[in-house]
N, C-alpha and C. Protein backbone atom coordinates (compact mmCIF):
# COMPACT_ATOMS: atom_id res chain seq x y z
N MET A 1 -39.09 -13.18 19.11
CA MET A 1 -38.38 -13.11 18.10
C MET A 1 -37.91 -12.39 17.33
N PRO A 2 -37.57 -11.38 16.57
CA PRO A 2 -38.10 -10.35 15.31
C PRO A 2 -37.49 -11.71 14.67
N ARG A 3 -38.48 -10.85 13.12
CA ARG A 3 -38.31 -11.40 11.67
C ARG A 3 -37.07 -10.78 10.85
N TYR A 4 -35.80 -11.97 10.69
CA TYR A 4 -34.80 -10.58 9.51
C TYR A 4 -35.68 -11.25 8.47
N SER A 5 -35.02 -11.12 7.90
CA SER A 5 -34.74 -11.17 6.11
C SER A 5 -33.78 -11.64 5.44
N TYR A 6 -33.14 -13.01 4.51
CA TYR A 6 -31.37 -12.68 4.08
C TYR A 6 -30.91 -13.05 2.18
N TYR A 7 -30.40 -12.75 1.63
CA TYR A 7 -30.36 -12.99 0.02
C TYR A 7 -29.32 -14.16 -0.02
N CYS A 8 -29.27 -15.41 -0.65
CA CYS A 8 -27.97 -16.43 -0.90
C CYS A 8 -27.51 -15.68 -2.15
N GLU A 9 -26.34 -14.81 -2.01
CA GLU A 9 -25.95 -14.44 -3.10
C GLU A 9 -25.75 -15.51 -3.93
N LYS A 10 -25.56 -17.12 -3.63
CA LYS A 10 -25.27 -18.43 -5.06
C LYS A 10 -26.23 -18.72 -5.19
N CYS A 11 -27.08 -18.81 -4.64
CA CYS A 11 -27.99 -19.30 -5.00
C CYS A 11 -29.37 -18.35 -5.38
N GLU A 12 -29.06 -17.21 -4.63
CA GLU A 12 -30.06 -16.34 -5.42
C GLU A 12 -31.91 -16.46 -4.85
N ILE A 13 -30.98 -16.55 -3.03
CA ILE A 13 -33.60 -17.42 -2.99
C ILE A 13 -32.90 -16.01 -1.49
N SER A 14 -34.64 -15.52 -1.85
CA SER A 14 -34.25 -14.76 -0.33
C SER A 14 -35.61 -15.28 0.76
N ILE A 15 -35.50 -14.91 1.97
CA ILE A 15 -35.75 -16.23 2.69
C ILE A 15 -36.26 -15.18 4.12
N SER A 16 -36.83 -15.37 5.17
CA SER A 16 -37.24 -14.69 6.40
C SER A 16 -37.25 -15.73 6.87
N LEU A 17 -36.65 -15.01 8.53
CA LEU A 17 -35.78 -16.88 10.02
C LEU A 17 -36.22 -15.30 10.73
N PHE A 18 -36.41 -16.60 11.77
CA PHE A 18 -36.78 -16.02 13.53
C PHE A 18 -35.23 -16.34 14.40
N HIS A 19 -35.54 -15.68 14.89
CA HIS A 19 -33.90 -15.92 15.36
C HIS A 19 -33.47 -14.52 16.39
N GLY A 20 -32.68 -14.83 17.15
CA GLY A 20 -32.58 -13.49 18.49
C GLY A 20 -31.73 -12.91 17.98
N ILE A 21 -32.00 -11.76 18.56
CA ILE A 21 -31.55 -10.53 18.66
C ILE A 21 -29.73 -10.34 18.11
N ASN A 22 -28.27 -11.39 18.41
CA ASN A 22 -26.68 -11.23 18.64
C ASN A 22 -26.53 -12.94 17.68
N GLU A 23 -27.46 -12.90 17.15
CA GLU A 23 -27.49 -14.77 15.93
C GLU A 23 -26.99 -13.86 13.99
N THR A 24 -26.79 -14.68 14.29
CA THR A 24 -26.06 -14.34 12.40
C THR A 24 -26.39 -15.47 11.79
N ILE A 25 -27.21 -14.78 10.63
CA ILE A 25 -26.96 -16.48 9.28
C ILE A 25 -25.86 -15.99 8.49
N ASN A 26 -25.40 -17.31 8.18
CA ASN A 26 -24.04 -17.21 6.91
C ASN A 26 -23.74 -18.38 5.90
N ASN A 27 -24.41 -19.74 6.20
CA ASN A 27 -24.71 -20.24 5.37
C ASN A 27 -25.73 -21.10 4.76
N CYS A 28 -25.95 -21.11 4.18
CA CYS A 28 -27.30 -21.03 2.98
C CYS A 28 -27.32 -23.00 3.67
N GLU A 29 -28.85 -22.75 3.75
CA GLU A 29 -29.36 -24.34 4.16
C GLU A 29 -29.64 -25.18 2.37
N LYS A 30 -30.47 -24.23 2.03
CA LYS A 30 -30.98 -24.59 0.48
C LYS A 30 -29.16 -25.24 -0.28
N CYS A 31 -29.20 -24.58 -0.42
CA CYS A 31 -27.98 -24.71 -1.71
C CYS A 31 -26.24 -25.04 -0.96
N LYS A 32 -26.56 -25.12 1.02
CA LYS A 32 -25.01 -25.97 1.88
C LYS A 32 -23.25 -25.09 1.28
N SER A 33 -23.82 -23.63 0.44
CA SER A 33 -23.20 -23.13 0.29
C SER A 33 -22.45 -21.37 2.19
N GLU A 34 -21.38 -21.59 1.75
CA GLU A 34 -21.40 -21.26 2.91
C GLU A 34 -20.49 -19.47 3.53
N ASN A 35 -20.93 -18.73 4.24
CA ASN A 35 -20.20 -17.59 4.08
C ASN A 35 -21.53 -17.21 2.58
N THR A 36 -22.68 -17.19 2.84
CA THR A 36 -22.94 -16.25 1.73
C THR A 36 -24.72 -15.81 1.56
N MET A 37 -25.26 -15.38 2.72
CA MET A 37 -25.70 -15.10 3.22
C MET A 37 -25.75 -12.81 3.53
N LYS A 38 -26.44 -12.72 3.32
CA LYS A 38 -26.64 -11.75 3.25
C LYS A 38 -27.62 -11.00 4.01
N LYS A 39 -28.21 -10.36 5.70
CA LYS A 39 -29.06 -9.68 6.07
C LYS A 39 -28.93 -8.65 5.26
N MET A 40 -30.57 -8.76 4.93
CA MET A 40 -31.27 -7.31 4.25
C MET A 40 -32.07 -6.77 4.75
N LEU A 41 -32.19 -5.09 4.34
CA LEU A 41 -32.88 -4.52 4.99
C LEU A 41 -34.49 -4.48 5.25
N SER A 42 -34.98 -4.05 6.41
CA SER A 42 -36.34 -4.38 5.98
C SER A 42 -36.82 -3.07 6.71
N THR A 43 -38.35 -3.22 5.87
CA THR A 43 -38.54 -2.28 6.88
C THR A 43 -39.79 -2.69 8.27
N PRO A 44 -39.64 -1.73 8.95
CA PRO A 44 -40.19 -1.72 10.91
C PRO A 44 -41.23 -2.14 10.97
N ILE A 45 -42.26 -2.51 11.66
CA ILE A 45 -43.56 -2.12 12.01
C ILE A 45 -43.58 -1.16 12.29
N ILE A 46 -44.29 0.12 12.48
CA ILE A 46 -44.80 0.62 13.12
C ILE A 46 -46.83 1.41 12.96
N LEU A 47 -46.64 0.83 14.67
CA LEU A 47 -47.95 0.79 15.04
C LEU A 47 -47.79 1.90 15.18
N ASN A 48 -50.15 2.31 14.79
CA ASN A 48 -50.14 3.21 14.89
C ASN A 48 -50.89 4.03 15.94
N ASN A 49 -50.87 4.57 17.01
CA ASN A 49 -52.03 4.59 17.96
C ASN A 49 -53.00 5.66 17.76
N LYS A 50 -53.81 6.20 16.53
CA LYS A 50 -55.25 6.76 15.81
C LYS A 50 -55.93 6.75 16.96
N ASP A 51 -56.24 8.00 17.47
CA ASP A 51 -58.00 8.01 18.03
C ASP A 51 -58.87 6.62 17.29
N GLU A 52 -58.73 7.21 16.27
CA GLU A 52 -60.40 6.89 15.76
C GLU A 52 -59.79 5.55 15.16
N ALA A 53 -58.69 4.56 15.14
CA ALA A 53 -58.75 3.33 14.63
C ALA A 53 -58.71 3.29 16.14
N LYS A 54 -59.30 3.78 17.49
CA LYS A 54 -58.75 2.68 18.90
C LYS A 54 -60.04 2.59 18.90
N ASN A 55 -61.61 2.77 17.64
CA ASN A 55 -62.52 2.84 18.33
C ASN A 55 -63.05 2.08 16.97
N ILE A 56 -62.27 0.97 16.22
CA ILE A 56 -62.46 0.17 15.51
C ILE A 56 -62.41 -0.78 16.12
N SER A 57 -63.44 -1.22 16.24
CA SER A 57 -63.34 -2.96 16.29
C SER A 57 -63.09 -4.40 14.67
N ILE A 58 -62.17 -5.16 15.66
CA ILE A 58 -61.31 -6.20 14.73
C ILE A 58 -63.04 -6.36 13.27
N GLY A 59 -63.46 -6.90 14.55
CA GLY A 59 -64.38 -7.33 13.39
C GLY A 59 -65.57 -7.06 12.86
N GLN A 60 -66.09 -5.40 12.75
CA GLN A 60 -65.51 -4.16 12.24
C GLN A 60 -65.29 -3.44 11.21
N LEU A 61 -64.21 -3.89 11.24
CA LEU A 61 -63.25 -4.25 9.89
C LEU A 61 -62.88 -4.86 9.18
N THR A 62 -62.52 -5.36 9.92
CA THR A 62 -62.94 -7.06 8.53
C THR A 62 -63.79 -7.29 7.99
N LYS A 63 -65.34 -6.69 8.12
CA LYS A 63 -66.63 -6.18 7.19
C LYS A 63 -66.15 -6.00 6.37
N GLU A 64 -66.07 -4.66 6.91
CA GLU A 64 -65.52 -3.68 6.10
C GLU A 64 -64.49 -3.81 5.06
N TYR A 65 -63.72 -4.78 4.45
CA TYR A 65 -62.70 -5.57 4.06
C TYR A 65 -63.83 -6.04 3.78
N ILE A 66 -64.46 -6.61 3.81
CA ILE A 66 -64.84 -7.70 2.80
C ILE A 66 -66.38 -7.37 2.55
N LYS A 67 -66.24 -6.27 2.90
CA LYS A 67 -67.46 -5.82 1.75
C LYS A 67 -66.55 -4.52 0.31
N ALA A 68 -65.96 -3.73 0.59
CA ALA A 68 -65.24 -3.31 -0.22
C ALA A 68 -64.39 -4.67 -1.07
N ASN A 69 -64.16 -5.37 -1.07
CA ASN A 69 -63.90 -6.32 -1.62
C ASN A 69 -64.95 -7.52 -2.60
N GLU A 70 -66.01 -7.76 -2.62
CA GLU A 70 -66.89 -8.86 -3.07
C GLU A 70 -67.42 -7.54 -3.71
N GLU A 71 -67.55 -5.88 -4.78
CA GLU A 71 -67.64 -5.84 -6.27
C GLU A 71 -66.68 -6.44 -6.76
N ILE A 72 -65.26 -6.06 -5.79
CA ILE A 72 -63.80 -6.60 -7.04
C ILE A 72 -63.76 -8.27 -7.49
N LEU A 73 -65.41 -9.37 -6.52
CA LEU A 73 -64.11 -10.29 -6.26
C LEU A 73 -66.24 -10.97 -7.48
N LYS A 74 -66.94 -10.37 -7.67
CA LYS A 74 -68.37 -9.83 -8.68
C LYS A 74 -67.43 -10.02 -9.02
N GLU A 75 -67.48 -8.55 -9.87
CA GLU A 75 -66.74 -8.83 -11.19
C GLU A 75 -65.75 -9.87 -11.61
N GLN A 76 -64.71 -10.45 -11.09
CA GLN A 76 -64.05 -11.24 -10.99
C GLN A 76 -64.61 -13.25 -11.33
N LYS A 77 -65.19 -13.32 -11.18
CA LYS A 77 -66.65 -14.83 -11.18
C LYS A 77 -67.15 -14.43 -12.34
N GLU A 78 -67.22 -12.97 -13.21
CA GLU A 78 -68.31 -13.30 -14.44
C GLU A 78 -67.35 -12.65 -15.29
N GLU A 79 -65.91 -12.88 -14.91
CA GLU A 79 -65.00 -12.46 -16.13
C GLU A 79 -64.40 -14.49 -16.15
N ALA A 80 -64.68 -15.28 -15.07
CA ALA A 80 -63.99 -16.43 -14.97
C ALA A 80 -65.08 -16.62 -16.66
N LYS A 81 -66.62 -16.49 -15.92
CA LYS A 81 -68.16 -17.15 -16.17
C LYS A 81 -67.81 -17.05 -18.54
N LYS A 82 -67.06 -16.14 -18.19
CA LYS A 82 -66.92 -15.81 -20.16
C LYS A 82 -65.54 -17.18 -20.84
N ASP A 83 -65.25 -16.66 -20.15
CA ASP A 83 -63.16 -17.87 -20.45
C ASP A 83 -64.14 -19.50 -20.78
N THR A 84 -63.43 -19.66 -21.09
CA THR A 84 -64.28 -21.33 -22.26
C THR A 84 -62.91 -22.08 -21.68
N TYR A 85 -62.94 -22.84 -20.74
CA TYR A 85 -61.35 -24.10 -20.00
C TYR A 85 -61.49 -25.49 -21.07
N GLU A 86 -60.76 -25.77 -20.95
CA GLU A 86 -60.60 -26.38 -21.48
C GLU A 86 -60.41 -27.72 -20.45
N PRO A 87 -60.53 -29.66 -20.85
CA PRO A 87 -60.50 -29.90 -19.70
C PRO A 87 -58.76 -30.67 -19.84
N SER A 88 -58.19 -30.63 -18.49
CA SER A 88 -56.92 -31.25 -18.85
C SER A 88 -56.79 -32.24 -18.90
């Protein structure tokens, strides 16, 4: 089932719902108002079938992301050590 984004004009919430292509949502479940839900435009998912993407395994890609973010995590840890925290 496709995912659709809706916006309630009364309570101003945005939600994502899964439903069939022929279904529509008109009533807000949060504020119980009728005919206030408007379907929002969403970005389609584009699958890229490049040759280089086919040669990389999911595990290898995950390891690359972890390695790329290790330095950021180290910096954040050092910043957290510098700050002083008071008990709540």
